[in-house]
Amino acid sequence: MKLPVYLYGHPVLRKVSEPLLATDDDIKKLIADMFDAMYESEGVGLAAPQIGRNIRLVVIDADPVSDTFAECAGRKFALINPEIEILEGEKISRPEGCLSLPGISENVPRVEHIRLRWLDEDFKPHEEEISGFLARIVQHECDHLEGKMFIDHISAIRKQLIKGKLNSIVSGRINVDYPVRFAPTAKRGR
């Protein structure tokens, strides 16, 4: 089943997600479907709220950007109930985009060294220090689990400058090359 990506303006994207208490075949199927949706939309990460589920689940395959960011080579994993600890380092601004915000890219300040704790799809615990662009991807996707989006990290001036684009997404006046779900208030085709 092709899962649609929920776009900016949909209320599910602003809710804090609930922890998963156990894994089962349904969760494993959901993980596989999320990877398929992420690949179809040409993303490197996808959080469950982006497909309409407020559970603490993220999928990442950062390998497609490994030519530019070596730390992303071969990094494909599902994160259940991820927890991030920010380690030392100043925030660095780099461009970010989001499948839920098509056509928008902004410089977002983030630290680039974190400790990540998570459960895999078999509910086995993992802990790892992650750096560079991979740390940015993880933080971006985990923000979704808290009801946050990358535009929450940009200045008020930048938000004002992209307000027209945001309004176009909310109202459904954009074309996207992958299956999407617009906000309930969207009036497509107007």
N, C-alpha and C. Protein backbone atom coordinates (compact mmCIF):
# COMPACT_ATOMS: atom_id res chain seq x y z
N MET A 1 0.84 -1.19 0.00
CA MET A 1 0.00 0.00 0.00
C MET A 1 0.89 1.24 0.00
N LYS A 2 0.57 2.17 -0.88
CA LYS A 2 1.33 3.42 -0.92
C LYS A 2 0.79 4.38 0.12
N LEU A 3 1.66 4.77 1.02
CA LEU A 3 1.27 5.69 2.08
C LEU A 3 1.43 7.13 1.60
N PRO A 4 0.42 7.96 1.77
CA PRO A 4 0.58 9.38 1.42
C PRO A 4 1.36 10.11 2.51
N VAL A 5 2.11 11.12 2.09
CA VAL A 5 2.82 11.99 3.03
C VAL A 5 1.89 13.14 3.39
N TYR A 6 1.69 13.34 4.67
CA TYR A 6 0.83 14.43 5.14
C TYR A 6 1.60 15.74 5.04
N LEU A 7 0.94 16.75 4.49
CA LEU A 7 1.59 18.03 4.23
C LEU A 7 1.32 19.05 5.33
N TYR A 8 2.20 20.04 5.35
CA TYR A 8 2.11 21.15 6.30
C TYR A 8 0.67 21.67 6.38
N GLY A 9 0.24 21.91 7.59
CA GLY A 9 -1.12 22.39 7.82
C GLY A 9 -2.02 21.30 8.36
N HIS A 10 -1.61 20.03 8.16
CA HIS A 10 -2.42 18.94 8.70
C HIS A 10 -2.15 18.83 10.20
N PRO A 11 -3.19 18.76 11.03
CA PRO A 11 -3.02 18.77 12.48
C PRO A 11 -2.17 17.61 13.03
N VAL A 12 -2.13 16.48 12.34
CA VAL A 12 -1.36 15.34 12.84
C VAL A 12 0.13 15.68 12.98
N LEU A 13 0.60 16.63 12.17
CA LEU A 13 2.02 16.99 12.20
C LEU A 13 2.41 17.82 13.42
N ARG A 14 1.43 18.33 14.14
CA ARG A 14 1.73 19.18 15.29
C ARG A 14 1.44 18.50 16.63
N LYS A 15 1.13 17.21 16.60
CA LYS A 15 0.86 16.48 17.84
C LYS A 15 2.12 15.75 18.31
N VAL A 16 2.29 15.65 19.62
CA VAL A 16 3.38 14.86 20.18
C VAL A 16 3.00 13.38 20.05
N SER A 17 3.92 12.58 19.57
CA SER A 17 3.66 11.17 19.32
C SER A 17 3.80 10.32 20.57
N GLU A 18 3.06 9.21 20.57
CA GLU A 18 3.04 8.26 21.70
C GLU A 18 4.11 7.19 21.50
N PRO A 19 4.72 6.73 22.59
CA PRO A 19 5.70 5.64 22.48
C PRO A 19 5.04 4.34 22.02
N LEU A 20 5.82 3.54 21.32
CA LEU A 20 5.40 2.19 20.98
C LEU A 20 5.78 1.29 22.14
N LEU A 21 4.85 0.45 22.57
CA LEU A 21 5.09 -0.41 23.73
C LEU A 21 5.57 -1.80 23.33
N ALA A 22 5.34 -2.19 22.11
CA ALA A 22 5.79 -3.50 21.62
C ALA A 22 5.81 -3.46 20.11
N THR A 23 6.53 -4.39 19.53
CA THR A 23 6.56 -4.51 18.08
C THR A 23 5.83 -5.80 17.68
N ASP A 24 5.33 -5.80 16.50
CA ASP A 24 4.65 -6.99 15.98
C ASP A 24 4.72 -6.94 14.46
N ASP A 25 4.07 -7.89 13.81
CA ASP A 25 4.12 -7.94 12.35
C ASP A 25 3.51 -6.70 11.71
N ASP A 26 2.49 -6.10 12.36
CA ASP A 26 1.88 -4.88 11.82
C ASP A 26 2.88 -3.72 11.82
N ILE A 27 3.66 -3.62 12.89
CA ILE A 27 4.67 -2.55 12.96
C ILE A 27 5.76 -2.80 11.92
N LYS A 28 6.17 -4.03 11.77
CA LYS A 28 7.21 -4.35 10.77
C LYS A 28 6.70 -4.05 9.36
N LYS A 29 5.43 -4.33 9.11
CA LYS A 29 4.84 -4.00 7.81
C LYS A 29 4.78 -2.48 7.62
N LEU A 30 4.41 -1.77 8.68
CA LEU A 30 4.38 -0.31 8.62
C LEU A 30 5.76 0.25 8.32
N ILE A 31 6.79 -0.30 8.96
CA ILE A 31 8.16 0.15 8.69
C ILE A 31 8.50 -0.05 7.22
N ALA A 32 8.19 -1.22 6.67
CA ALA A 32 8.46 -1.48 5.25
C ALA A 32 7.70 -0.50 4.36
N ASP A 33 6.43 -0.25 4.69
CA ASP A 33 5.62 0.70 3.92
C ASP A 33 6.18 2.12 4.02
N MET A 34 6.69 2.48 5.21
CA MET A 34 7.28 3.81 5.37
C MET A 34 8.55 3.95 4.53
N PHE A 35 9.38 2.92 4.50
CA PHE A 35 10.56 2.97 3.63
C PHE A 35 10.13 3.15 2.18
N ASP A 36 9.11 2.41 1.73
CA ASP A 36 8.61 2.54 0.35
C ASP A 36 8.14 3.96 0.07
N ALA A 37 7.38 4.54 1.01
CA ALA A 37 6.88 5.92 0.83
C ALA A 37 8.04 6.91 0.78
N MET A 38 9.04 6.69 1.62
CA MET A 38 10.20 7.58 1.64
C MET A 38 10.96 7.50 0.31
N TYR A 39 11.16 6.28 -0.20
CA TYR A 39 11.86 6.13 -1.47
C TYR A 39 11.07 6.73 -2.62
N GLU A 40 9.76 6.51 -2.62
CA GLU A 40 8.92 7.04 -3.70
C GLU A 40 8.97 8.57 -3.75
N SER A 41 9.09 9.19 -2.59
CA SER A 41 9.13 10.65 -2.53
C SER A 41 10.55 11.19 -2.53
N GLU A 42 11.53 10.29 -2.68
CA GLU A 42 12.95 10.65 -2.78
C GLU A 42 13.47 11.35 -1.55
N GLY A 43 13.04 10.88 -0.38
CA GLY A 43 13.54 11.41 0.88
C GLY A 43 14.62 10.52 1.46
N VAL A 44 15.25 11.00 2.54
CA VAL A 44 16.24 10.20 3.27
C VAL A 44 15.74 9.86 4.67
N GLY A 45 14.57 10.37 5.03
CA GLY A 45 13.99 10.07 6.33
C GLY A 45 12.49 10.33 6.30
N LEU A 46 11.78 9.62 7.17
CA LEU A 46 10.33 9.79 7.26
C LEU A 46 9.90 9.40 8.66
N ALA A 47 9.12 10.26 9.29
CA ALA A 47 8.61 10.00 10.63
C ALA A 47 7.14 9.61 10.54
N ALA A 48 6.70 8.78 11.48
CA ALA A 48 5.32 8.27 11.45
C ALA A 48 4.26 9.38 11.38
N PRO A 49 4.42 10.54 12.06
CA PRO A 49 3.40 11.58 11.91
C PRO A 49 3.24 12.04 10.45
N GLN A 50 4.30 11.91 9.66
CA GLN A 50 4.22 12.32 8.27
C GLN A 50 3.37 11.39 7.41
N ILE A 51 3.01 10.23 7.97
CA ILE A 51 2.09 9.35 7.26
C ILE A 51 0.81 9.18 8.08
N GLY A 52 0.58 10.13 8.99
CA GLY A 52 -0.68 10.20 9.71
C GLY A 52 -0.76 9.37 10.98
N ARG A 53 0.37 8.88 11.47
CA ARG A 53 0.39 8.05 12.68
C ARG A 53 1.18 8.76 13.77
N ASN A 54 0.57 9.03 14.89
CA ASN A 54 1.28 9.70 15.99
C ASN A 54 1.90 8.68 16.94
N ILE A 55 2.85 7.93 16.38
CA ILE A 55 3.65 6.99 17.17
C ILE A 55 5.12 7.33 16.98
N ARG A 56 5.94 6.94 17.94
CA ARG A 56 7.36 7.30 17.93
C ARG A 56 8.15 6.31 17.07
N LEU A 57 8.07 6.53 15.77
CA LEU A 57 8.70 5.66 14.79
C LEU A 57 9.25 6.51 13.65
N VAL A 58 10.50 6.23 13.29
CA VAL A 58 11.20 6.96 12.22
C VAL A 58 11.93 5.93 11.36
N VAL A 59 11.95 6.17 10.05
CA VAL A 59 12.82 5.39 9.16
C VAL A 59 13.80 6.34 8.49
N ILE A 60 15.02 5.87 8.32
CA ILE A 60 16.08 6.67 7.70
C ILE A 60 16.90 5.77 6.78
N ASP A 61 17.17 6.27 5.58
CA ASP A 61 18.17 5.69 4.71
C ASP A 61 18.97 6.86 4.16
N ALA A 62 20.10 7.12 4.79
CA ALA A 62 20.91 8.29 4.45
C ALA A 62 21.92 8.00 3.34
N ASP A 63 22.00 6.75 2.89
CA ASP A 63 23.00 6.38 1.89
C ASP A 63 22.95 7.23 0.61
N PRO A 64 21.76 7.66 0.13
CA PRO A 64 21.74 8.46 -1.10
C PRO A 64 22.55 9.76 -1.03
N VAL A 65 22.85 10.27 0.16
CA VAL A 65 23.64 11.51 0.26
C VAL A 65 25.08 11.22 0.69
N SER A 66 25.49 9.95 0.64
CA SER A 66 26.82 9.58 1.11
C SER A 66 27.95 10.08 0.22
N ASP A 67 27.64 10.44 -1.04
CA ASP A 67 28.68 11.03 -1.89
C ASP A 67 29.16 12.35 -1.33
N THR A 68 28.25 13.08 -0.69
CA THR A 68 28.59 14.38 -0.11
C THR A 68 28.93 14.25 1.37
N PHE A 69 28.26 13.35 2.08
CA PHE A 69 28.43 13.19 3.53
C PHE A 69 28.80 11.74 3.82
N ALA A 70 30.09 11.46 3.95
CA ALA A 70 30.61 10.09 4.10
C ALA A 70 29.99 9.35 5.27
N GLU A 71 29.64 10.07 6.35
CA GLU A 71 29.07 9.42 7.54
C GLU A 71 27.70 8.81 7.26
N CYS A 72 27.11 9.12 6.12
CA CYS A 72 25.79 8.60 5.77
C CYS A 72 25.86 7.28 5.00
N ALA A 73 27.06 6.85 4.60
CA ALA A 73 27.21 5.65 3.79
C ALA A 73 26.66 4.42 4.52
N GLY A 74 25.76 3.71 3.87
CA GLY A 74 25.22 2.48 4.39
C GLY A 74 24.31 2.62 5.61
N ARG A 75 23.92 3.85 5.94
CA ARG A 75 23.11 4.06 7.15
C ARG A 75 21.64 4.00 6.83
N LYS A 76 21.07 2.82 7.07
CA LYS A 76 19.63 2.59 6.89
C LYS A 76 19.13 1.92 8.16
N PHE A 77 18.15 2.55 8.81
CA PHE A 77 17.62 1.95 10.02
C PHE A 77 16.26 2.51 10.37
N ALA A 78 15.51 1.70 11.15
CA ALA A 78 14.24 2.13 11.74
C ALA A 78 14.52 2.46 13.20
N LEU A 79 13.97 3.57 13.66
CA LEU A 79 14.14 4.01 15.05
C LEU A 79 12.78 3.95 15.74
N ILE A 80 12.67 3.11 16.76
CA ILE A 80 11.47 3.06 17.57
C ILE A 80 11.78 3.73 18.90
N ASN A 81 10.94 4.64 19.32
CA ASN A 81 11.10 5.39 20.57
C ASN A 81 12.49 6.01 20.70
N PRO A 82 12.95 6.72 19.67
CA PRO A 82 14.30 7.29 19.74
C PRO A 82 14.41 8.39 20.78
N GLU A 83 15.59 8.47 21.39
CA GLU A 83 15.92 9.53 22.34
C GLU A 83 17.24 10.14 21.92
N ILE A 84 17.29 11.47 21.90
CA ILE A 84 18.50 12.18 21.49
C ILE A 84 19.09 12.91 22.68
N GLU A 85 20.39 12.79 22.84
CA GLU A 85 21.13 13.60 23.80
C GLU A 85 22.09 14.47 23.00
N ILE A 86 21.97 15.77 23.17
CA ILE A 86 22.85 16.70 22.46
C ILE A 86 24.22 16.68 23.13
N LEU A 87 25.27 16.44 22.35
CA LEU A 87 26.62 16.45 22.87
C LEU A 87 27.26 17.80 22.54
N GLU A 88 28.54 17.92 22.80
CA GLU A 88 29.21 19.21 22.64
C GLU A 88 29.16 19.69 21.19
N GLY A 89 29.43 20.96 21.05
CA GLY A 89 29.51 21.52 19.71
C GLY A 89 28.55 22.67 19.51
N GLU A 90 28.99 23.59 18.68
CA GLU A 90 28.14 24.73 18.37
C GLU A 90 27.15 24.34 17.27
N LYS A 91 26.12 25.14 17.13
CA LYS A 91 25.13 24.89 16.09
C LYS A 91 25.69 25.38 14.76
N ILE A 92 25.44 24.58 13.75
CA ILE A 92 25.86 24.90 12.39
C ILE A 92 24.61 24.96 11.53
N SER A 93 24.52 26.00 10.69
CA SER A 93 23.36 26.14 9.80
C SER A 93 23.65 25.45 8.47
N ARG A 94 22.71 24.61 8.07
CA ARG A 94 22.77 23.95 6.77
C ARG A 94 21.35 23.90 6.21
N PRO A 95 21.23 23.83 4.89
CA PRO A 95 19.89 23.75 4.29
C PRO A 95 19.19 22.44 4.64
N GLU A 96 17.90 22.55 4.90
CA GLU A 96 17.05 21.39 5.12
C GLU A 96 15.77 21.55 4.32
N GLY A 97 15.26 20.44 3.89
CA GLY A 97 13.95 20.38 3.26
C GLY A 97 13.14 19.32 3.98
N CYS A 98 11.90 19.15 3.58
CA CYS A 98 11.04 18.19 4.26
C CYS A 98 9.96 17.72 3.29
N LEU A 99 9.67 16.44 3.31
CA LEU A 99 8.63 15.90 2.44
C LEU A 99 7.27 16.50 2.75
N SER A 100 7.07 16.96 3.98
CA SER A 100 5.80 17.60 4.37
C SER A 100 5.76 19.08 4.03
N LEU A 101 6.87 19.60 3.55
CA LEU A 101 6.97 21.01 3.14
C LEU A 101 7.58 21.08 1.74
N PRO A 102 6.91 20.52 0.73
CA PRO A 102 7.51 20.47 -0.61
C PRO A 102 7.80 21.86 -1.16
N GLY A 103 8.97 21.95 -1.78
CA GLY A 103 9.36 23.21 -2.41
C GLY A 103 9.98 24.23 -1.47
N ILE A 104 10.18 23.86 -0.22
CA ILE A 104 10.75 24.81 0.75
C ILE A 104 12.06 24.24 1.29
N SER A 105 13.09 25.05 1.29
CA SER A 105 14.38 24.71 1.87
C SER A 105 14.89 25.93 2.61
N GLU A 106 15.34 25.73 3.83
CA GLU A 106 15.85 26.83 4.65
C GLU A 106 17.07 26.36 5.43
N ASN A 107 17.96 27.30 5.74
CA ASN A 107 19.09 27.00 6.61
C ASN A 107 18.59 26.85 8.03
N VAL A 108 18.95 25.72 8.66
CA VAL A 108 18.50 25.40 10.01
C VAL A 108 19.72 25.18 10.89
N PRO A 109 19.80 25.90 12.03
CA PRO A 109 20.92 25.67 12.94
C PRO A 109 20.69 24.42 13.81
N ARG A 110 21.65 23.52 13.81
CA ARG A 110 21.59 22.32 14.65
C ARG A 110 23.01 21.94 15.07
N VAL A 111 23.11 21.26 16.21
CA VAL A 111 24.40 20.68 16.59
C VAL A 111 24.63 19.47 15.69
N GLU A 112 25.88 19.11 15.52
CA GLU A 112 26.18 18.00 14.62
C GLU A 112 26.88 16.85 15.34
N HIS A 113 26.59 16.72 16.65
CA HIS A 113 27.13 15.59 17.41
C HIS A 113 26.12 15.24 18.49
N ILE A 114 25.55 14.03 18.38
CA ILE A 114 24.50 13.61 19.31
C ILE A 114 24.77 12.18 19.78
N ARG A 115 24.12 11.83 20.86
CA ARG A 115 24.03 10.42 21.27
C ARG A 115 22.59 10.01 21.02
N LEU A 116 22.42 8.90 20.34
CA LEU A 116 21.10 8.40 19.98
C LEU A 116 20.86 7.05 20.65
N ARG A 117 19.70 6.95 21.30
CA ARG A 117 19.25 5.67 21.86
C ARG A 117 17.92 5.33 21.17
N TRP A 118 17.76 4.05 20.78
CA TRP A 118 16.54 3.65 20.11
C TRP A 118 16.36 2.14 20.21
N LEU A 119 15.18 1.71 19.84
CA LEU A 119 14.88 0.29 19.69
C LEU A 119 14.75 0.00 18.21
N ASP A 120 15.25 -1.16 17.79
CA ASP A 120 15.08 -1.53 16.38
C ASP A 120 13.74 -2.23 16.20
N GLU A 121 13.48 -2.72 15.00
CA GLU A 121 12.16 -3.30 14.72
C GLU A 121 11.91 -4.61 15.48
N ASP A 122 12.95 -5.18 16.07
CA ASP A 122 12.78 -6.35 16.93
C ASP A 122 12.76 -5.96 18.41
N PHE A 123 12.70 -4.66 18.66
CA PHE A 123 12.66 -4.09 20.01
C PHE A 123 13.97 -4.30 20.77
N LYS A 124 15.08 -4.44 20.03
CA LYS A 124 16.40 -4.54 20.66
C LYS A 124 16.96 -3.14 20.83
N PRO A 125 17.51 -2.83 22.03
CA PRO A 125 18.03 -1.48 22.28
C PRO A 125 19.38 -1.24 21.60
N HIS A 126 19.58 0.01 21.19
CA HIS A 126 20.84 0.44 20.58
C HIS A 126 21.20 1.81 21.14
N GLU A 127 22.48 2.09 21.16
CA GLU A 127 22.98 3.41 21.54
C GLU A 127 24.22 3.70 20.71
N GLU A 128 24.29 4.94 20.18
CA GLU A 128 25.40 5.28 19.31
C GLU A 128 25.60 6.79 19.30
N GLU A 129 26.87 7.21 19.23
CA GLU A 129 27.16 8.62 18.98
C GLU A 129 27.18 8.82 17.48
N ILE A 130 26.48 9.86 17.04
CA ILE A 130 26.33 10.14 15.62
C ILE A 130 26.75 11.59 15.37
N SER A 131 27.47 11.80 14.27
CA SER A 131 27.96 13.14 13.96
C SER A 131 27.62 13.53 12.53
N GLY A 132 27.85 14.81 12.25
CA GLY A 132 27.73 15.32 10.89
C GLY A 132 26.30 15.38 10.40
N PHE A 133 26.17 15.20 9.10
CA PHE A 133 24.86 15.34 8.46
C PHE A 133 23.89 14.26 8.92
N LEU A 134 24.40 13.08 9.26
CA LEU A 134 23.52 12.02 9.76
C LEU A 134 22.85 12.46 11.06
N ALA A 135 23.59 13.15 11.92
CA ALA A 135 23.00 13.67 13.17
C ALA A 135 21.90 14.67 12.86
N ARG A 136 22.08 15.46 11.82
CA ARG A 136 21.06 16.43 11.40
C ARG A 136 19.80 15.71 10.92
N ILE A 137 19.96 14.67 10.13
CA ILE A 137 18.80 13.91 9.64
C ILE A 137 18.02 13.34 10.82
N VAL A 138 18.74 12.73 11.77
CA VAL A 138 18.09 12.13 12.93
C VAL A 138 17.32 13.19 13.72
N GLN A 139 17.95 14.36 13.97
CA GLN A 139 17.28 15.42 14.72
C GLN A 139 16.04 15.91 13.99
N HIS A 140 16.16 16.08 12.68
CA HIS A 140 15.03 16.56 11.87
C HIS A 140 13.85 15.60 12.00
N GLU A 141 14.11 14.30 11.82
CA GLU A 141 13.02 13.32 11.87
C GLU A 141 12.44 13.20 13.28
N CYS A 142 13.30 13.23 14.29
CA CYS A 142 12.82 13.13 15.68
C CYS A 142 12.02 14.36 16.09
N ASP A 143 12.31 15.52 15.50
CA ASP A 143 11.49 16.71 15.74
C ASP A 143 10.02 16.42 15.41
N HIS A 144 9.79 15.68 14.33
CA HIS A 144 8.41 15.35 13.93
C HIS A 144 7.67 14.62 15.05
N LEU A 145 8.38 13.82 15.82
CA LEU A 145 7.75 13.07 16.90
C LEU A 145 7.30 13.98 18.04
N GLU A 146 7.88 15.18 18.09
CA GLU A 146 7.52 16.17 19.10
C GLU A 146 6.54 17.21 18.57
N GLY A 147 6.05 17.01 17.35
CA GLY A 147 5.12 17.96 16.74
C GLY A 147 5.81 19.19 16.20
N LYS A 148 7.11 19.07 15.91
CA LYS A 148 7.89 20.20 15.40
C LYS A 148 8.32 19.94 13.96
N MET A 149 8.57 21.05 13.25
CA MET A 149 9.06 20.97 11.89
C MET A 149 10.27 21.89 11.77
N PHE A 150 11.06 21.69 10.71
CA PHE A 150 12.29 22.47 10.61
C PHE A 150 12.03 23.97 10.56
N ILE A 151 10.87 24.39 10.08
CA ILE A 151 10.59 25.83 10.02
C ILE A 151 10.43 26.43 11.42
N ASP A 152 10.26 25.58 12.43
CA ASP A 152 10.18 26.09 13.82
C ASP A 152 11.55 26.55 14.32
N HIS A 153 12.60 26.20 13.59
CA HIS A 153 13.97 26.56 13.99
C HIS A 153 14.51 27.77 13.22
N ILE A 154 13.71 28.34 12.33
CA ILE A 154 14.20 29.49 11.55
C ILE A 154 13.66 30.78 12.15
N SER A 155 14.26 31.88 11.75
CA SER A 155 13.88 33.18 12.32
C SER A 155 12.49 33.61 11.87
N ALA A 156 11.92 34.52 12.63
CA ALA A 156 10.60 35.06 12.29
C ALA A 156 10.62 35.75 10.92
N ILE A 157 11.73 36.39 10.61
CA ILE A 157 11.85 37.06 9.31
C ILE A 157 11.81 36.04 8.17
N ARG A 158 12.57 34.94 8.32
CA ARG A 158 12.56 33.90 7.29
C ARG A 158 11.16 33.29 7.16
N LYS A 159 10.48 33.08 8.29
CA LYS A 159 9.12 32.53 8.22
C LYS A 159 8.20 33.47 7.45
N GLN A 160 8.35 34.76 7.68
CA GLN A 160 7.54 35.74 6.97
C GLN A 160 7.81 35.70 5.47
N LEU A 161 9.09 35.50 5.11
CA LEU A 161 9.46 35.46 3.70
C LEU A 161 8.92 34.23 2.97
N ILE A 162 8.68 33.14 3.70
CA ILE A 162 8.15 31.93 3.05
C ILE A 162 6.65 31.74 3.31
N LYS A 163 6.02 32.74 3.90
CA LYS A 163 4.61 32.64 4.26
C LYS A 163 3.73 32.29 3.06
N GLY A 164 4.00 32.88 1.91
CA GLY A 164 3.22 32.59 0.70
C GLY A 164 3.32 31.12 0.31
N LYS A 165 4.53 30.55 0.38
CA LYS A 165 4.71 29.14 0.06
C LYS A 165 3.97 28.26 1.07
N LEU A 166 4.05 28.61 2.35
CA LEU A 166 3.34 27.85 3.38
C LEU A 166 1.84 27.90 3.15
N ASN A 167 1.33 29.07 2.82
CA ASN A 167 -0.11 29.21 2.54
C ASN A 167 -0.53 28.38 1.34
N SER A 168 0.35 28.29 0.33
CA SER A 168 0.03 27.47 -0.85
C SER A 168 -0.09 26.00 -0.48
N ILE A 169 0.77 25.54 0.43
CA ILE A 169 0.70 24.15 0.86
C ILE A 169 -0.59 23.92 1.64
N VAL A 170 -0.88 24.80 2.60
CA VAL A 170 -2.07 24.65 3.44
C VAL A 170 -3.34 24.65 2.60
N SER A 171 -3.37 25.50 1.60
CA SER A 171 -4.58 25.61 0.79
C SER A 171 -4.67 24.56 -0.31
N GLY A 172 -3.60 23.77 -0.50
CA GLY A 172 -3.62 22.72 -1.51
C GLY A 172 -3.30 23.20 -2.90
N ARG A 173 -2.70 24.38 -3.02
CA ARG A 173 -2.39 24.95 -4.33
C ARG A 173 -0.97 24.63 -4.76
N ILE A 174 -0.56 23.38 -4.61
CA ILE A 174 0.77 22.96 -5.05
C ILE A 174 0.64 21.62 -5.74
N ASN A 175 1.60 21.31 -6.58
CA ASN A 175 1.66 20.00 -7.22
C ASN A 175 2.85 19.25 -6.64
N VAL A 176 2.62 18.00 -6.28
CA VAL A 176 3.66 17.17 -5.69
C VAL A 176 3.71 15.87 -6.47
N ASP A 177 4.92 15.33 -6.68
CA ASP A 177 5.11 14.13 -7.49
C ASP A 177 4.97 12.82 -6.71
N TYR A 178 4.53 12.88 -5.47
CA TYR A 178 4.34 11.67 -4.68
C TYR A 178 2.99 11.77 -3.98
N PRO A 179 2.45 10.62 -3.53
CA PRO A 179 1.13 10.65 -2.88
C PRO A 179 1.16 11.50 -1.61
N VAL A 180 0.18 12.40 -1.48
CA VAL A 180 0.14 13.29 -0.32
C VAL A 180 -1.28 13.36 0.25
N ARG A 181 -1.34 13.86 1.45
CA ARG A 181 -2.62 14.14 2.10
C ARG A 181 -2.54 15.60 2.54
N PHE A 182 -3.44 16.41 2.03
CA PHE A 182 -3.48 17.82 2.36
C PHE A 182 -4.20 18.04 3.70
N ALA A 183 -4.04 19.23 4.24
CA ALA A 183 -4.78 19.63 5.45
C ALA A 183 -6.27 19.52 5.16
N PRO A 184 -7.07 19.20 6.19
CA PRO A 184 -8.52 19.07 5.99
C PRO A 184 -9.17 20.32 5.41
N THR A 185 -8.55 21.48 5.61
CA THR A 185 -9.11 22.73 5.14
C THR A 185 -8.71 23.08 3.71
N ALA A 186 -7.83 22.27 3.11
CA ALA A 186 -7.33 22.56 1.76
C ALA A 186 -8.47 22.52 0.74
N LYS A 187 -8.45 23.45 -0.17
CA LYS A 187 -9.43 23.52 -1.25
C LYS A 187 -8.66 23.32 -2.56
N ARG A 188 -8.40 22.07 -2.91
CA ARG A 188 -7.62 21.73 -4.11
C ARG A 188 -8.25 22.33 -5.35
N GLY A 189 -7.35 22.85 -6.24
CA GLY A 189 -7.79 23.32 -7.53
C GLY A 189 -8.35 24.72 -7.54
N ARG A 190 -8.25 25.43 -6.44
CA ARG A 190 -8.77 26.80 -6.44
C ARG A 190 -7.67 27.81 -6.42
